Amino acid sequence: MEVRRCGRTSTQVRSIEVDAPSPLPLRGRRAAATGRGAAYADGMGRRTELRDFLRSRRARLSPEDVGLPGAGRRRTPGLRREEVAVLAGVGVSWYTWLEQGRDITVSPQVLDAVARALRLNHDERAYLYVLAGCNPPLPAPEDGTPIGDELRRLLDAWSPRPAYVLDRHWGIVAVNEPARTVFGLTDDDHNCLVSFFTSPAYRSSFAHWEAAAPGVVAQFRADAARYPDDPEFARLAADLCRASAEFAELWRRHEVRSATQGIKAIRHSEEGLLVLEYTSLPLPNHPGHRLVLHNPRPSTGTAEKLERLAGSVVVPHP
């Protein structure tokens, strides 16, 4: 069978000795044909969409838009295929085949060149990758970009349930008052991972710290792998290895885990045990950031405890 991947095509051959099969019943032949037809239709649909998409992006540009000399009035609007090929640095025949939706081998580098030639924005570039059968590249992470007022209002509206926003390095970007109260966060807590291993107050709030620690480190390693060219992950890990023998021992295990949902058991000084379900949601408008929302686990009395904590907290007005 043929195995296609972005940038290359390989062939696997399987040889099996079997008795000559009897012809499939009519219903079986129809089912098999339907399965093959669905796969064929899916491939053809994607190629058709790729063809139409590239043509539409080409049609919206003029030679002047891309720095080419004007050629007077044209029978059809937009750039010619030859001009796109020149701008992208690819052969005219190859680009023509790509636009025609032919089954050809593509690479991320060439797709990026085509995207630049056609002046595609971020969403259009990712869409081109998908249509060409490749995984879209990760968006460039944002550093130091403040979150909008809409997101801050969402955090406040989530009260009395804890919620916060983390960047890709687990730095605390924004947090609501219930999260400060439940987890004991202070102005000295800037990074959840660092506080988890070095802050006695934050660490003691987790009822099952020893059981949770391996998963925390494995999650951080999985996050670091998504940004192999980011040196901040290595710096954070090195600093924590020096500051915490427990982190150093867990980091040497090279365990990896990726989880977006789970349960936290929190020990609060006034209300006792709080059992929270959490969900981590990526923020597409802030690449690398994620919103972490907590809900009280049913039948644990946590919802009532959160209500009482919210009523006892005085939120200072700016």
Protein backbone atom coordinates (compact mmCIF):
# COMPACT_ATOMS: atom_id res chain seq x y z
CA MET A 1 0.00 0.00 0.00
CA GLU A 2 1.12 3.57 -0.54
CA VAL A 3 1.94 5.67 2.55
CA ARG A 4 1.96 9.44 1.99
CA ARG A 5 3.63 11.93 4.25
CA CYS A 6 4.46 15.58 3.91
CA GLY A 7 7.57 15.76 1.79
CA ARG A 8 7.94 12.14 0.75
CA THR A 9 6.15 9.08 -0.49
CA SER A 10 7.07 5.52 0.39
CA THR A 11 5.69 2.15 -0.57
CA GLN A 12 5.10 -0.84 1.65
CA VAL A 13 4.65 -4.23 0.04
CA ARG A 14 3.02 -7.07 1.90
CA SER A 15 3.11 -10.64 0.61
CA ILE A 16 0.65 -13.12 2.09
CA GLU A 17 -0.16 -16.60 0.81
CA VAL A 18 -3.88 -17.26 0.88
CA ASP A 19 -6.32 -19.48 -0.89
CA ALA A 20 -8.03 -17.89 -3.87
CA PRO A 21 -10.99 -16.03 -2.39
CA SER A 22 -14.46 -16.63 -3.58
CA PRO A 23 -16.15 -13.65 -5.21
CA LEU A 24 -17.71 -11.21 -2.78
CA PRO A 25 -21.46 -11.21 -2.58
CA LEU A 26 -23.06 -8.31 -4.38
CA ARG A 27 -23.68 -6.51 -1.09
CA GLY A 28 -20.02 -6.98 -0.08
CA ARG A 29 -18.77 -5.68 -3.42
CA ARG A 30 -20.99 -2.63 -3.02
CA ALA A 31 -19.69 -1.99 0.51
CA ALA A 32 -16.07 -2.28 -0.59
CA ALA A 33 -16.69 -0.01 -3.55
CA THR A 34 -18.44 2.48 -1.27
CA GLY A 35 -15.43 2.57 1.08
CA ARG A 36 -12.99 3.11 -1.75
CA GLY A 37 -15.30 5.66 -3.30
CA ALA A 38 -15.56 7.63 -0.06
CA ALA A 39 -11.77 7.80 0.29
CA TYR A 40 -11.42 8.79 -3.36
CA ALA A 41 -14.11 11.42 -3.04
CA ASP A 42 -12.43 12.84 0.07
CA GLY A 43 -9.10 13.12 -1.73
CA MET A 44 -10.68 14.62 -4.81
CA GLY A 45 -12.68 17.06 -2.69
CA ARG A 46 -9.54 18.30 -0.97
CA ARG A 47 -7.69 18.65 -4.27
CA THR A 48 -10.60 20.52 -5.78
CA GLU A 49 -10.67 22.89 -2.82
CA LEU A 50 -6.88 23.35 -3.10
CA ARG A 51 -7.25 24.24 -6.77
CA ASP A 52 -10.07 26.71 -6.16
CA PHE A 53 -8.34 28.24 -3.13
CA LEU A 54 -5.06 28.89 -4.94
CA ARG A 55 -6.86 30.32 -7.95
CA SER A 56 -8.87 32.69 -5.77
CA ARG A 57 -5.76 33.89 -3.90
CA ARG A 58 -3.94 34.42 -7.20
CA ALA A 59 -6.89 36.32 -8.68
CA ARG A 60 -6.99 38.91 -5.91
CA LEU A 61 -3.41 40.10 -6.55
CA SER A 62 -2.14 42.34 -9.28
CA PRO A 63 1.47 42.47 -10.52
CA GLU A 64 1.85 45.86 -8.84
CA ASP A 65 0.80 44.33 -5.49
CA VAL A 66 3.83 42.03 -5.51
CA GLY A 67 6.39 44.36 -7.02
CA LEU A 68 6.14 43.17 -10.62
CA PRO A 69 5.79 45.59 -13.54
CA GLY A 70 2.25 46.10 -14.77
CA ALA A 71 1.32 44.33 -17.98
CA GLY A 72 -1.71 46.34 -19.00
CA ARG A 73 -5.23 45.02 -19.02
CA ARG A 74 -5.66 41.25 -18.71
CA ARG A 75 -8.42 38.97 -19.83
CA THR A 76 -8.60 37.43 -16.34
CA PRO A 77 -7.81 39.30 -13.13
CA GLY A 78 -4.85 38.54 -10.93
CA LEU A 79 -1.40 37.06 -11.30
CA ARG A 80 -0.52 34.43 -13.85
CA ARG A 81 0.70 31.04 -12.71
CA GLU A 82 4.12 31.80 -14.17
CA GLU A 83 4.39 34.92 -12.03
CA VAL A 84 3.47 33.05 -8.84
CA ALA A 85 6.07 30.40 -9.67
CA VAL A 86 8.75 33.05 -10.13
CA LEU A 87 7.85 34.77 -6.86
CA ALA A 88 7.88 31.44 -4.99
CA GLY A 89 11.08 30.20 -6.62
CA VAL A 90 9.52 27.00 -7.95
CA GLY A 91 9.10 25.57 -11.41
CA VAL A 92 6.15 26.69 -13.47
CA SER A 93 5.13 23.09 -14.19
CA TRP A 94 5.28 22.16 -10.49
CA TYR A 95 3.13 25.10 -9.44
CA THR A 96 0.67 24.35 -12.22
CA TRP A 97 0.37 20.77 -10.99
CA LEU A 98 -0.13 22.00 -7.41
CA GLU A 99 -2.89 24.36 -8.49
CA GLN A 100 -4.49 21.65 -10.59
CA GLY A 101 -4.69 19.46 -7.49
CA ARG A 102 -2.43 16.74 -8.85
CA ASP A 103 -1.05 14.11 -6.50
CA ILE A 104 2.47 15.50 -6.10
CA THR A 105 5.00 15.61 -3.29
CA VAL A 106 5.18 18.87 -1.36
CA SER A 107 7.38 20.15 1.46
CA PRO A 108 6.77 22.75 4.18
CA GLN A 109 9.50 24.96 2.72
CA VAL A 110 7.83 25.09 -0.69
CA LEU A 111 4.39 25.68 0.83
CA ASP A 112 5.83 28.59 2.80
CA ALA A 113 7.29 30.03 -0.39
CA VAL A 114 3.91 29.77 -2.14
CA ALA A 115 2.20 31.33 0.88
CA ARG A 116 4.59 34.29 0.79
CA ALA A 117 4.16 34.71 -2.96
CA LEU A 118 0.37 34.81 -2.60
CA ARG A 119 0.52 37.09 0.48
CA LEU A 120 -1.42 34.60 2.61
CA ASN A 121 -2.20 35.53 6.20
CA HIS A 122 -1.68 33.13 9.12
CA ASP A 123 -5.06 31.41 8.80
CA GLU A 124 -4.77 31.08 5.02
CA ARG A 125 -1.28 29.62 5.35
CA ALA A 126 -2.49 26.98 7.81
CA TYR A 127 -5.40 26.20 5.49
CA LEU A 128 -2.99 25.71 2.58
CA TYR A 129 -1.00 23.22 4.66
CA VAL A 130 -4.13 21.22 5.47
CA LEU A 131 -5.30 21.12 1.85
CA ALA A 132 -1.84 20.00 0.74
CA GLY A 133 -1.88 17.14 3.28
CA CYS A 134 0.66 18.60 5.73
CA ASN A 135 0.48 19.55 9.39
CA PRO A 136 0.25 23.33 9.81
CA PRO A 137 3.23 24.82 11.66
CA LEU A 138 2.74 26.02 15.19
CA PRO A 139 1.95 29.72 15.43
CA ALA A 140 4.72 31.91 16.78
CA PRO A 141 4.28 32.26 20.56
CA GLU A 142 3.60 35.66 22.07
CA ASP A 143 5.94 37.08 24.67
CA GLY A 144 4.82 39.90 26.92
CA THR A 145 1.61 40.60 25.01
CA PRO A 146 -1.11 41.54 27.51
CA ILE A 147 -4.41 39.72 27.34
CA GLY A 148 -7.52 41.67 26.42
CA ASP A 149 -10.22 43.02 28.66
CA GLU A 150 -12.66 40.41 27.34
CA LEU A 151 -10.53 37.60 28.74
CA ARG A 152 -10.09 39.36 32.06
CA ARG A 153 -13.86 39.77 32.32
CA LEU A 154 -14.23 36.05 31.65
CA LEU A 155 -11.86 35.27 34.52
CA ASP A 156 -13.86 37.53 36.83
CA ALA A 157 -17.17 36.05 35.65
CA TRP A 158 -15.90 32.54 36.46
CA SER A 159 -15.98 33.43 40.17
CA PRO A 160 -16.39 31.82 42.66
CA ARG A 161 -14.54 29.15 40.70
CA PRO A 162 -10.76 29.49 40.23
CA ALA A 163 -9.37 30.38 36.81
CA TYR A 164 -6.09 31.66 35.43
CA VAL A 165 -4.10 32.11 32.22
CA LEU A 166 -0.62 30.63 31.75
CA ASP A 167 1.93 31.25 29.01
CA ARG A 168 3.84 28.44 27.35
CA HIS A 169 6.51 28.49 30.09
CA TRP A 170 3.78 28.16 32.76
CA GLY A 171 4.19 31.78 33.73
CA ILE A 172 1.11 33.29 35.39
CA VAL A 173 -0.34 35.89 33.01
CA ALA A 174 -3.68 36.57 34.71
CA VAL A 175 -5.55 35.10 37.66
CA ASN A 176 -8.93 35.69 39.32
CA GLU A 177 -9.43 36.21 43.03
CA PRO A 178 -10.83 32.72 43.75
CA ALA A 179 -7.64 31.20 42.31
CA ARG A 180 -5.55 33.38 44.61
CA THR A 181 -7.66 32.34 47.58
CA VAL A 182 -7.88 28.62 46.80
CA PHE A 183 -4.25 28.07 45.78
CA GLY A 184 -2.73 30.64 48.11
CA LEU A 185 -1.10 32.58 45.28
CA THR A 186 0.73 35.79 46.15
CA ASP A 187 2.47 38.51 44.17
CA ASP A 188 5.68 36.50 44.56
CA ASP A 189 4.26 33.61 42.53
CA HIS A 190 5.10 34.23 38.88
CA ASN A 191 5.33 30.69 37.53
CA CYS A 192 3.16 27.70 38.48
CA LEU A 193 5.93 25.15 37.94
CA VAL A 194 8.48 27.09 39.98
CA SER A 195 5.98 27.66 42.80
CA PHE A 196 4.91 24.00 42.75
CA PHE A 197 8.46 22.93 43.65
CA THR A 198 9.89 25.90 45.56
CA SER A 199 7.02 27.66 47.38
CA PRO A 200 6.18 25.95 50.69
CA ALA A 201 2.73 27.62 50.82
CA TYR A 202 1.77 26.72 47.25
CA ARG A 203 3.16 23.20 47.61
CA SER A 204 1.33 22.54 50.87
CA SER A 205 -2.01 23.46 49.26
CA PHE A 206 -1.92 20.25 47.20
CA ALA A 207 -3.32 17.40 49.26
CA HIS A 208 -1.50 14.77 47.18
CA TRP A 209 1.62 16.63 46.13
CA GLU A 210 3.86 13.56 45.87
CA ALA A 211 1.39 11.78 43.61
CA ALA A 212 0.87 14.84 41.40
CA ALA A 213 4.52 15.85 40.98
CA PRO A 214 5.55 13.23 38.36
CA GLY A 215 2.64 14.20 36.11
CA VAL A 216 3.46 17.90 36.46
CA VAL A 217 7.05 17.39 35.33
CA ALA A 218 6.00 15.05 32.50
CA GLN A 219 3.52 17.67 31.29
CA PHE A 220 6.20 20.37 31.29
CA ARG A 221 8.53 18.14 29.26
CA ALA A 222 5.76 17.55 26.71
CA ASP A 223 5.17 21.30 26.46
CA ALA A 224 8.90 21.96 25.99
CA ALA A 225 9.03 19.50 23.08
CA ARG A 226 6.52 21.64 21.16
CA TYR A 227 9.06 24.50 21.12
CA PRO A 228 12.44 22.85 20.45
CA ASP A 229 14.09 26.17 19.55
CA ASP A 230 13.01 27.96 22.74
CA PRO A 231 15.93 28.05 25.23
CA GLU A 232 13.72 29.26 28.10
CA PHE A 233 12.46 25.73 28.77
CA ALA A 234 16.00 24.44 29.25
CA ARG A 235 16.86 27.39 31.46
CA LEU A 236 13.81 26.82 33.66
CA ALA A 237 14.56 23.11 33.95
CA ALA A 238 18.22 23.76 34.82
CA ASP A 239 17.30 26.33 37.48
CA LEU A 240 14.74 23.99 39.03
CA CYS A 241 17.19 21.08 39.02
CA ARG A 242 19.51 23.21 41.16
CA ALA A 243 16.71 24.50 43.40
CA SER A 244 14.79 21.24 43.92
CA ALA A 245 16.25 17.76 44.25
CA GLU A 246 12.77 16.34 43.73
CA PHE A 247 12.37 18.11 40.41
CA ALA A 248 15.86 17.00 39.34
CA GLU A 249 15.05 13.36 40.09
CA LEU A 250 11.74 13.52 38.18
CA TRP A 251 13.31 15.40 35.24
CA ARG A 252 15.91 12.64 34.81
CA ARG A 253 13.09 10.11 34.25
CA HIS A 254 12.25 11.67 30.85
CA GLU A 255 8.58 10.87 31.32
CA VAL A 256 6.12 12.61 29.01
CA ARG A 257 2.44 13.26 29.52
CA SER A 258 -0.02 15.54 27.82
CA ALA A 259 -3.27 16.18 29.66
CA THR A 260 -5.88 18.88 29.26
CA GLN A 261 -8.24 17.68 31.98
CA GLY A 262 -7.82 16.29 35.46
CA ILE A 263 -8.63 16.58 39.16
CA LYS A 264 -6.91 18.61 41.87
CA ALA A 265 -7.33 17.99 45.58
CA ILE A 266 -6.57 21.22 47.43
CA ARG A 267 -6.18 21.62 51.19
CA HIS A 268 -7.49 24.99 52.34
CA SER A 269 -6.77 26.41 55.79
CA GLU A 270 -10.40 27.47 56.40
CA GLU A 271 -12.61 25.16 54.33
CA GLY A 272 -10.54 21.99 54.39
CA LEU A 273 -10.44 19.71 51.34
CA LEU A 274 -11.52 21.16 47.98
CA VAL A 275 -11.84 18.79 45.04
CA LEU A 276 -11.69 20.53 41.67
CA GLU A 277 -11.97 19.36 38.08
CA TYR A 278 -9.84 21.40 35.70
CA THR A 279 -9.86 21.92 31.94
CA SER A 280 -7.03 23.58 30.03
CA LEU A 281 -8.04 25.42 26.85
CA PRO A 282 -5.63 26.91 24.26
CA LEU A 283 -6.07 30.54 23.33
CA PRO A 284 -5.66 30.85 19.55
CA ASN A 285 -5.48 34.64 19.72
CA HIS A 286 -2.56 34.30 22.16
CA PRO A 287 -0.37 31.47 20.76
CA GLY A 288 1.27 29.44 23.51
CA HIS A 289 -1.18 30.66 26.17
CA ARG A 290 -3.87 28.55 27.79
CA LEU A 291 -6.88 29.24 29.95
CA VAL A 292 -7.24 26.90 32.94
CA LEU A 293 -10.76 26.67 34.36
CA HIS A 294 -11.71 24.85 37.56
CA ASN A 295 -15.08 23.43 38.51
CA PRO A 296 -16.11 21.88 41.85
CA ARG A 297 -16.35 18.11 41.67
CA PRO A 298 -19.94 17.02 42.31
CA SER A 299 -20.92 15.44 45.65
CA THR A 300 -17.79 16.71 47.42
CA GLY A 301 -19.23 19.85 49.05
CA THR A 302 -16.66 21.92 47.15
CA ALA A 303 -19.23 24.17 45.44
CA GLU A 304 -20.62 25.34 48.79
CA LYS A 305 -17.10 25.90 50.14
CA LEU A 306 -16.18 28.05 47.14
CA GLU A 307 -19.30 30.15 47.68
CA ARG A 308 -18.35 30.73 51.31
CA LEU A 309 -14.77 31.64 50.38
CA ALA A 310 -16.01 34.10 47.76
CA GLY A 311 -18.26 35.76 50.32
CA SER A 312 -15.40 36.20 52.76
CA VAL A 313 -12.99 37.77 50.28
CA VAL A 314 -12.89 41.54 49.94
CA VAL A 315 -11.74 42.44 46.44
CA PRO A 316 -9.80 45.74 46.44
CA HIS A 317 -10.96 48.30 43.92
CA PRO A 318 -8.28 49.96 41.78
